[in-house]
Amino acid sequence: MDGPDLSDRTVLVTGSAKGVGRELLLATADCGAKTAVHYHTSADAAREVADEATARGASEAMTIQGDVTDPESVDGLFGAIESELGAVDVLVNNVGDFAPDHWTDLEFETWNRVLETNLNATYLCSKRALPAMREAEYGRIVNVGYASSEKGLVSPTNFPYFVAKAGVLMFTRMLANDTQDDEITVNAISPYVVENSDEFPEKLPRDRPASFEDLIQPLYFFLDPESGYVSGENLEVDGGWLPESV
């Protein structure tokens, strides 16, 4: 699919060594972006993604390690990207763990990790990216949410994940409001079940999970220069799913 021209843009997708993050990063490589492949522990996988990004048309590609739940680590990884590729123009906040157990069975450390990787990481990376975006009078922030956030899903399992993703959506809208005079847009893409999920519900909308391509098209829309008036939006990629329908 054809995407916007990103040949003069630096793109950071958090958690882009594997899964959804990998596919979103490579989609920007297809558009000629300068790509920063972020990883926490998957160094070999990140190098493979960087090589593929270059092969697919990225003007430059690098790998960058960092813990996006730690402020000092976030500052360091952004600094490294700025030194090699220039300031981050496009930030995709993709990192986010989940915990499928019943919430009463979770240790606090697990609860906290899910909130930190989903919500705190989104906050820290966005905050670090904003000064350069404001100075450049251009920026695109896309947060990966979850389709339950606006559908009233209540479940005792995946509890901290749902709480965190609801926070990501609220953060998206508040940051969009705060940047409305800066030529920066902040939006969210919220899938239900994606093709790389570990488990699938017995019933799926349209009898299939969302494909990576289903997520790339909304990303391209949000990154398109002609979408500069679209901010604070949450685009659900869920095939028409409603909690009571599955």
C-alpha atoms as a PDB file:
ATOM      1  CA  MET A   1       0.000   0.000   0.000  1.00  0.00           C
ATOM      2  CA  ASP A   2       1.185   3.523  -0.725  1.00  0.00           C
ATOM      3  CA  GLY A   3       2.087   5.718   2.212  1.00  0.00           C
ATOM      4  CA  PRO A   4       3.167   9.319   2.739  1.00  0.00           C
ATOM      5  CA  ASP A   5       6.624  10.572   1.803  1.00  0.00           C
ATOM      6  CA  LEU A   6       8.735  10.328   4.966  1.00  0.00           C
ATOM      7  CA  SER A   7      12.130  10.688   3.331  1.00  0.00           C
ATOM      8  CA  ASP A   8      13.054  13.713   5.453  1.00  0.00           C
ATOM      9  CA  ARG A   9      11.541  12.408   8.694  1.00  0.00           C
ATOM     10  CA  THR A  10      13.094  10.574  11.634  1.00  0.00           C
ATOM     11  CA  VAL A  11      10.820   7.845  12.991  1.00  0.00           C
ATOM     12  CA  LEU A  12      11.004   6.099  16.346  1.00  0.00           C
ATOM     13  CA  VAL A  13       8.719   3.143  17.017  1.00  0.00           C
ATOM     14  CA  THR A  14       9.131   1.827  20.553  1.00  0.00           C
ATOM     15  CA  GLY A  15       9.376  -1.938  20.789  1.00  0.00           C
ATOM     16  CA  SER A  16      10.022  -2.303  17.079  1.00  0.00           C
ATOM     17  CA  ALA A  17      12.201  -5.417  17.140  1.00  0.00           C
ATOM     18  CA  LYS A  18       9.169  -7.700  17.023  1.00  0.00           C
ATOM     19  CA  GLY A  19       5.419  -7.936  16.449  1.00  0.00           C
ATOM     20  CA  VAL A  20       3.232  -4.928  15.746  1.00  0.00           C
ATOM     21  CA  GLY A  21       6.066  -2.489  16.378  1.00  0.00           C
ATOM     22  CA  ARG A  22       8.245  -4.202  13.806  1.00  0.00           C
ATOM     23  CA  GLU A  23       5.559  -4.004  11.128  1.00  0.00           C
ATOM     24  CA  LEU A  24       4.769  -0.346  11.827  1.00  0.00           C
ATOM     25  CA  LEU A  25       8.463   0.541  11.704  1.00  0.00           C
ATOM     26  CA  LEU A  26       8.954  -1.270   8.402  1.00  0.00           C
ATOM     27  CA  ALA A  27       5.891   0.481   7.007  1.00  0.00           C
ATOM     28  CA  THR A  28       7.638   3.810   7.577  1.00  0.00           C
ATOM     29  CA  ALA A  29      10.804   2.401   5.992  1.00  0.00           C
ATOM     30  CA  ASP A  30       8.716   1.724   2.890  1.00  0.00           C
ATOM     31  CA  CYS A  31       8.089   5.499   2.831  1.00  0.00           C
ATOM     32  CA  GLY A  32      11.796   6.356   2.963  1.00  0.00           C
ATOM     33  CA  ALA A  33      11.998   7.418   6.619  1.00  0.00           C
ATOM     34  CA  LYS A  34      15.085   7.508   8.781  1.00  0.00           C
ATOM     35  CA  THR A  35      14.214   4.699  11.156  1.00  0.00           C
ATOM     36  CA  ALA A  36      15.227   4.028  14.761  1.00  0.00           C
ATOM     37  CA  VAL A  37      14.560   0.423  15.742  1.00  0.00           C
ATOM     38  CA  HIS A  38      14.071   0.402  19.502  1.00  0.00           C
ATOM     39  CA  TYR A  39      14.511  -2.693  21.652  1.00  0.00           C
ATOM     40  CA  HIS A  40      14.952  -3.532  25.301  1.00  0.00           C
ATOM     41  CA  THR A  41      16.491  -7.012  25.223  1.00  0.00           C
ATOM     42  CA  SER A  42      16.056  -8.271  21.617  1.00  0.00           C
ATOM     43  CA  ALA A  43      19.267  -6.944  20.096  1.00  0.00           C
ATOM     44  CA  ASP A  44      19.595  -9.566  17.334  1.00  0.00           C
ATOM     45  CA  ALA A  45      16.004  -9.145  16.226  1.00  0.00           C
ATOM     46  CA  ALA A  46      16.433  -5.352  16.171  1.00  0.00           C
ATOM     47  CA  ARG A  47      19.487  -5.614  13.918  1.00  0.00           C
ATOM     48  CA  GLU A  48      17.529  -7.812  11.518  1.00  0.00           C
ATOM     49  CA  VAL A  49      14.725  -5.230  11.413  1.00  0.00           C
ATOM     50  CA  ALA A  50      17.216  -2.424  10.744  1.00  0.00           C
ATOM     51  CA  ASP A  51      18.709  -4.415   7.862  1.00  0.00           C
ATOM     52  CA  GLU A  52      15.270  -5.061   6.422  1.00  0.00           C
ATOM     53  CA  ALA A  53      14.311  -1.413   6.846  1.00  0.00           C
ATOM     54  CA  THR A  54      17.328  -0.388   4.780  1.00  0.00           C
ATOM     55  CA  ALA A  55      16.491  -2.977   2.130  1.00  0.00           C
ATOM     56  CA  ARG A  56      12.925  -1.695   1.936  1.00  0.00           C
ATOM     57  CA  GLY A  57      13.862   1.917   1.376  1.00  0.00           C
ATOM     58  CA  ALA A  58      14.698   3.571   4.686  1.00  0.00           C
ATOM     59  CA  SER A  59      17.081   6.453   4.016  1.00  0.00           C
ATOM     60  CA  GLU A  60      18.916   5.486   7.227  1.00  0.00           C
ATOM     61  CA  ALA A  61      18.394   2.882   9.933  1.00  0.00           C
ATOM     62  CA  MET A  62      19.812   2.367  13.397  1.00  0.00           C
ATOM     63  CA  THR A  63      19.118   0.215  16.424  1.00  0.00           C
ATOM     64  CA  ILE A  64      18.741   1.744  19.857  1.00  0.00           C
ATOM     65  CA  GLN A  65      18.472   0.002  23.204  1.00  0.00           C
ATOM     66  CA  GLY A  66      16.614   1.483  26.131  1.00  0.00           C
ATOM     67  CA  ASP A  67      14.130   1.003  28.948  1.00  0.00           C
ATOM     68  CA  VAL A  68      11.249   3.299  28.031  1.00  0.00           C
ATOM     69  CA  THR A  69       9.889   3.169  31.581  1.00  0.00           C
ATOM     70  CA  ASP A  70      13.023   4.874  32.940  1.00  0.00           C
ATOM     71  CA  PRO A  71      13.424   8.661  32.441  1.00  0.00           C
ATOM     72  CA  GLU A  72      17.221   8.587  32.196  1.00  0.00           C
ATOM     73  CA  SER A  73      17.155   5.741  29.696  1.00  0.00           C
ATOM     74  CA  VAL A  74      14.543   7.537  27.597  1.00  0.00           C
ATOM     75  CA  ASP A  75      16.658  10.695  27.570  1.00  0.00           C
ATOM     76  CA  GLY A  76      19.684   8.673  26.520  1.00  0.00           C
ATOM     77  CA  LEU A  77      17.990   6.843  23.677  1.00  0.00           C
ATOM     78  CA  PHE A  78      16.501  10.064  22.276  1.00  0.00           C
ATOM     79  CA  GLY A  79      19.907  11.701  22.530  1.00  0.00           C
ATOM     80  CA  ALA A  80      21.503   8.871  20.571  1.00  0.00           C
ATOM     81  CA  ILE A  81      18.852   9.103  17.855  1.00  0.00           C
ATOM     82  CA  GLU A  82      19.267  12.872  17.623  1.00  0.00           C
ATOM     83  CA  SER A  83      23.029  12.480  17.208  1.00  0.00           C
ATOM     84  CA  GLU A  84      22.756   9.921  14.403  1.00  0.00           C
ATOM     85  CA  LEU A  85      19.473  10.599  12.610  1.00  0.00           C
ATOM     86  CA  GLY A  86      18.293  13.982  13.846  1.00  0.00           C
ATOM     87  CA  ALA A  87      15.401  14.895  16.103  1.00  0.00           C
ATOM     88  CA  VAL A  88      12.450  12.513  16.188  1.00  0.00           C
ATOM     89  CA  ASP A  89       9.653  13.776  13.915  1.00  0.00           C
ATOM     90  CA  VAL A  90       7.384  10.747  14.227  1.00  0.00           C
ATOM     91  CA  LEU A  91       6.942   8.855  17.485  1.00  0.00           C
ATOM     92  CA  VAL A  92       4.903   5.668  17.675  1.00  0.00           C
ATOM     93  CA  ASN A  93       4.368   4.570  21.276  1.00  0.00           C
ATOM     94  CA  ASN A  94       3.907   0.844  20.823  1.00  0.00           C
ATOM     95  CA  VAL A  95       5.530  -0.784  23.877  1.00  0.00           C
ATOM     96  CA  GLY A  96       3.122  -2.369  26.331  1.00  0.00           C
ATOM     97  CA  ASP A  97       3.055  -5.563  28.377  1.00  0.00           C
ATOM     98  CA  PHE A  98      -0.133  -7.295  29.490  1.00  0.00           C
ATOM     99  CA  ALA A  99      -1.115  -9.654  32.294  1.00  0.00           C
ATOM    100  CA  PRO A 100      -3.909 -12.139  31.460  1.00  0.00           C
ATOM    101  CA  ASP A 101      -4.385 -13.493  34.990  1.00  0.00           C
ATOM    102  CA  HIS A 102      -7.222 -12.511  37.311  1.00  0.00           C
ATOM    103  CA  TRP A 103      -6.289  -9.208  38.891  1.00  0.00           C
ATOM    104  CA  THR A 104      -6.416 -10.577  42.445  1.00  0.00           C
ATOM    105  CA  ASP A 105      -3.741 -13.118  41.511  1.00  0.00           C
ATOM    106  CA  LEU A 106      -1.300 -10.473  40.284  1.00  0.00           C
ATOM    107  CA  GLU A 107       1.689  -9.377  42.286  1.00  0.00           C
ATOM    108  CA  PHE A 108       2.081  -5.612  42.592  1.00  0.00           C
ATOM    109  CA  GLU A 109       5.240  -5.793  40.497  1.00  0.00           C
ATOM    110  CA  THR A 110       3.230  -7.251  37.612  1.00  0.00           C
ATOM    111  CA  TRP A 111       0.468  -4.687  37.980  1.00  0.00           C
ATOM    112  CA  ASN A 112       3.030  -1.886  38.041  1.00  0.00           C
ATOM    113  CA  ARG A 113       4.984  -3.245  35.077  1.00  0.00           C
ATOM    114  CA  VAL A 114       1.873  -3.282  32.891  1.00  0.00           C
ATOM    115  CA  LEU A 115       1.025   0.318  33.809  1.00  0.00           C
ATOM    116  CA  GLU A 116       4.615   1.439  33.365  1.00  0.00           C
ATOM    117  CA  THR A 117       5.158  -0.132  29.947  1.00  0.00           C
ATOM    118  CA  ASN A 118       1.825   0.991  28.530  1.00  0.00           C
ATOM    119  CA  LEU A 119       1.107   4.347  30.159  1.00  0.00           C
ATOM    120  CA  ASN A 120       4.302   5.671  31.731  1.00  0.00           C
ATOM    121  CA  ALA A 121       6.382   4.842  28.661  1.00  0.00           C
ATOM    122  CA  THR A 122       3.923   6.728  26.452  1.00  0.00           C
ATOM    123  CA  TYR A 123       4.182   9.731  28.763  1.00  0.00           C
ATOM    124  CA  LEU A 124       7.972   9.666  29.035  1.00  0.00           C
ATOM    125  CA  CYS A 125       8.673   9.270  25.311  1.00  0.00           C
ATOM    126  CA  SER A 126       6.084  11.869  24.298  1.00  0.00           C
ATOM    127  CA  LYS A 127       7.428  14.374  26.812  1.00  0.00           C
ATOM    128  CA  ARG A 128      10.992  13.853  25.570  1.00  0.00           C
ATOM    129  CA  ALA A 129      10.008  14.188  21.919  1.00  0.00           C
ATOM    130  CA  LEU A 130       7.896  17.325  22.291  1.00  0.00           C
ATOM    131  CA  PRO A 131      10.506  20.114  22.642  1.00  0.00           C
ATOM    132  CA  ALA A 132      12.153  19.313  19.297  1.00  0.00           C
ATOM    133  CA  MET A 133       8.766  18.865  17.612  1.00  0.00           C
ATOM    134  CA  ARG A 134       7.624  22.244  18.920  1.00  0.00           C
ATOM    135  CA  GLU A 135      10.822  23.891  17.746  1.00  0.00           C
ATOM    136  CA  ALA A 136      10.415  22.338  14.290  1.00  0.00           C
ATOM    137  CA  GLU A 137       6.693  23.191  14.228  1.00  0.00           C
ATOM    138  CA  TYR A 138       6.020  19.646  13.119  1.00  0.00           C
ATOM    139  CA  GLY A 139       5.389  16.360  14.851  1.00  0.00           C
ATOM    140  CA  ARG A 140       3.334  13.205  14.698  1.00  0.00           C
ATOM    141  CA  ILE A 141       2.676  11.062  17.774  1.00  0.00           C
ATOM    142  CA  VAL A 142       0.693   7.852  17.361  1.00  0.00           C
ATOM    143  CA  ASN A 143      -0.157   5.784  20.433  1.00  0.00           C
ATOM    144  CA  VAL A 144      -1.146   2.135  20.256  1.00  0.00           C
ATOM    145  CA  GLY A 145      -4.246   1.609  22.393  1.00  0.00           C
ATOM    146  CA  TYR A 146      -6.794  -1.152  22.778  1.00  0.00           C
ATOM    147  CA  ALA A 147     -10.332  -1.360  21.448  1.00  0.00           C
ATOM    148  CA  SER A 148     -11.851  -1.839  24.899  1.00  0.00           C
ATOM    149  CA  SER A 149     -11.142   1.734  25.944  1.00  0.00           C
ATOM    150  CA  GLU A 150     -14.367   3.187  24.554  1.00  0.00           C
ATOM    151  CA  LYS A 151     -16.529   0.079  24.502  1.00  0.00           C
ATOM    152  CA  GLY A 152     -17.236  -0.397  28.182  1.00  0.00           C
ATOM    153  CA  LEU A 153     -15.529  -3.772  28.454  1.00  0.00           C
ATOM    154  CA  VAL A 154     -15.287  -4.900  32.069  1.00  0.00           C
ATOM    155  CA  SER A 155     -13.199  -7.958  32.854  1.00  0.00           C
ATOM    156  CA  PRO A 156     -11.326  -9.254  35.924  1.00  0.00           C
ATOM    157  CA  THR A 157      -8.543 -10.529  33.650  1.00  0.00           C
ATOM    158  CA  ASN A 158      -6.092  -8.248  31.846  1.00  0.00           C
ATOM    159  CA  PHE A 159      -7.272  -5.675  34.393  1.00  0.00           C
ATOM    160  CA  PRO A 160      -4.126  -3.480  34.530  1.00  0.00           C
ATOM    161  CA  TYR A 161      -3.835  -3.574  30.721  1.00  0.00           C
ATOM    162  CA  PHE A 162      -7.357  -2.216  30.265  1.00  0.00           C
ATOM    163  CA  VAL A 163      -6.735   0.436  32.908  1.00  0.00           C
ATOM    164  CA  ALA A 164      -3.458   1.465  31.280  1.00  0.00           C
ATOM    165  CA  LYS A 165      -4.896   1.626  27.760  1.00  0.00           C
ATOM    166  CA  ALA A 166      -7.789   3.761  28.982  1.00  0.00           C
ATOM    167  CA  GLY A 167      -5.136   6.074  30.382  1.00  0.00           C
ATOM    168  CA  VAL A 168      -3.293   6.084  27.053  1.00  0.00           C
ATOM    169  CA  LEU A 169      -6.464   7.213  25.301  1.00  0.00           C
ATOM    170  CA  MET A 170      -7.065  10.023  27.804  1.00  0.00           C
ATOM    171  CA  PHE A 171      -3.410  11.035  27.524  1.00  0.00           C
ATOM    172  CA  THR A 172      -3.762  11.105  23.729  1.00  0.00           C
ATOM    173  CA  ARG A 173      -6.646  13.552  23.889  1.00  0.00           C
ATOM    174  CA  MET A 174      -5.093  15.759  26.547  1.00  0.00           C
ATOM    175  CA  LEU A 175      -1.786  15.967  24.663  1.00  0.00           C
ATOM    176  CA  ALA A 176      -3.608  16.709  21.406  1.00  0.00           C
ATOM    177  CA  ASN A 177      -5.316  19.623  23.116  1.00  0.00           C
ATOM    178  CA  ASP A 178      -2.045  20.874  24.558  1.00  0.00           C
ATOM    179  CA  THR A 179      -0.296  20.803  21.155  1.00  0.00           C
ATOM    180  CA  GLN A 180      -3.070  22.213  18.990  1.00  0.00           C
ATOM    181  CA  ASP A 181      -1.068  25.385  18.249  1.00  0.00           C
ATOM    182  CA  ASP A 182       2.213  23.593  17.522  1.00  0.00           C
ATOM    183  CA  GLU A 183       1.509  21.799  14.220  1.00  0.00           C
ATOM    184  CA  ILE A 184       1.764  18.528  16.131  1.00  0.00           C
ATOM    185  CA  THR A 185      -0.883  15.826  15.964  1.00  0.00           C
ATOM    186  CA  VAL A 186      -1.463  13.144  18.578  1.00  0.00           C
ATOM    187  CA  ASN A 187      -3.707  10.193  17.760  1.00  0.00           C
ATOM    188  CA  ALA A 188      -4.283   6.573  18.719  1.00  0.00           C
ATOM    189  CA  ILE A 189      -4.744   3.298  16.852  1.00  0.00           C
ATOM    190  CA  SER A 190      -6.682   0.748  18.916  1.00  0.00           C
ATOM    191  CA  PRO A 191      -6.883  -2.845  17.687  1.00  0.00           C
ATOM    192  CA  TYR A 192      -8.852  -5.684  19.285  1.00  0.00           C
ATOM    193  CA  VAL A 193      -7.021  -8.920  18.406  1.00  0.00           C
ATOM    194  CA  VAL A 194      -4.035  -8.797  16.040  1.00  0.00           C
ATOM    195  CA  GLU A 195      -2.672 -11.653  13.951  1.00  0.00           C
ATOM    196  CA  ASN A 196       0.402 -12.147  16.177  1.00  0.00           C
ATOM    197  CA  SER A 197      -1.638 -12.552  19.382  1.00  0.00           C
ATOM    198  CA  ASP A 198      -0.766 -15.528  21.568  1.00  0.00           C
ATOM    199  CA  GLU A 199      -4.417 -16.515  22.022  1.00  0.00           C
ATOM    200  CA  PHE A 200      -7.578 -15.913  20.026  1.00  0.00           C
ATOM    201  CA  PRO A 201     -11.168 -15.705  21.270  1.00  0.00           C
ATOM    202  CA  GLU A 202     -13.529 -18.408  20.089  1.00  0.00           C
ATOM    203  CA  LYS A 203     -15.385 -15.826  18.023  1.00  0.00           C
ATOM    204  CA  LEU A 204     -13.734 -13.036  16.082  1.00  0.00           C
ATOM    205  CA  PRO A 205     -15.256 -10.183  14.067  1.00  0.00           C
ATOM    206  CA  ARG A 206     -15.275 -11.070  10.380  1.00  0.00           C
ATOM    207  CA  ASP A 207     -13.844 -14.463  11.382  1.00  0.00           C
ATOM    208  CA  ARG A 208     -10.283 -13.218  11.588  1.00  0.00           C
ATOM    209  CA  PRO A 209      -7.953 -11.082  13.681  1.00  0.00           C
ATOM    210  CA  ALA A 210      -6.679  -7.730  12.495  1.00  0.00           C
ATOM    211  CA  SER A 211      -3.772  -8.101  10.103  1.00  0.00           C
ATOM    212  CA  PHE A 212      -0.673  -5.944  10.284  1.00  0.00           C
ATOM    213  CA  GLU A 213      -1.855  -4.289   7.084  1.00  0.00           C
ATOM    214  CA  ASP A 214      -5.092  -3.321   8.850  1.00  0.00           C
ATOM    215  CA  LEU A 215      -2.978  -1.297  11.294  1.00  0.00           C
ATOM    216  CA  ILE A 216      -0.633   0.210   8.737  1.00  0.00           C
ATOM    217  CA  GLN A 217      -3.363   1.985   6.798  1.00  0.00           C
ATOM    218  CA  PRO A 218      -4.492   4.081   9.825  1.00  0.00           C
ATOM    219  CA  LEU A 219      -0.845   4.827  10.588  1.00  0.00           C
ATOM    220  CA  TYR A 220      -0.354   6.151   7.079  1.00  0.00           C
ATOM    221  CA  PHE A 221      -3.486   8.263   7.439  1.00  0.00           C
ATOM    222  CA  PHE A 222      -2.261   9.882  10.649  1.00  0.00           C
ATOM    223  CA  LEU A 223       1.199  10.524   9.139  1.00  0.00           C
ATOM    224  CA  ASP A 224      -0.131  12.002   5.908  1.00  0.00           C
ATOM    225  CA  PRO A 225       0.572  15.754   5.639  1.00  0.00           C
ATOM    226  CA  GLU A 226      -3.043  16.274   4.591  1.00  0.00           C
ATOM    227  CA  SER A 227      -4.206  14.854   7.946  1.00  0.00           C
ATOM    228  CA  GLY A 228      -2.694  17.730   9.898  1.00  0.00           C
ATOM    229  CA  TYR A 229      -6.077  18.851  11.255  1.00  0.00           C
ATOM    230  CA  VAL A 230      -6.853  15.418  12.671  1.00  0.00           C
ATOM    231  CA  SER A 231      -5.674  15.218  16.273  1.00  0.00           C
ATOM    232  CA  GLY A 232      -6.952  13.672  19.484  1.00  0.00           C
ATOM    233  CA  GLU A 233      -8.649  10.860  17.593  1.00  0.00           C
ATOM    234  CA  ASN A 234      -8.811   7.163  18.387  1.00  0.00           C
ATOM    235  CA  LEU A 235      -9.184   4.900  15.378  1.00  0.00           C
ATOM    236  CA  GLU A 236     -10.437   1.484  16.417  1.00  0.00           C
ATOM    237  CA  VAL A 237      -9.271  -1.372  14.220  1.00  0.00           C
ATOM    238  CA  ASP A 238     -11.560  -4.109  15.482  1.00  0.00           C
ATOM    239  CA  GLY A 239     -13.837  -5.250  12.648  1.00  0.00           C
ATOM    240  CA  GLY A 240     -16.922  -3.848  14.381  1.00  0.00           C
ATOM    241  CA  TRP A 241     -16.334  -5.703  17.642  1.00  0.00           C
ATOM    242  CA  LEU A 242     -18.499  -5.085  20.677  1.00  0.00           C
ATOM    243  CA  PRO A 243     -17.835  -6.789  24.040  1.00  0.00           C
ATOM    244  CA  GLU A 244     -21.222  -8.494  24.138  1.00  0.00           C
ATOM    245  CA  SER A 245     -20.760  -9.828  20.597  1.00  0.00           C
ATOM    246  CA  VAL A 246     -17.862 -12.193  21.345  1.00  0.00           C
END
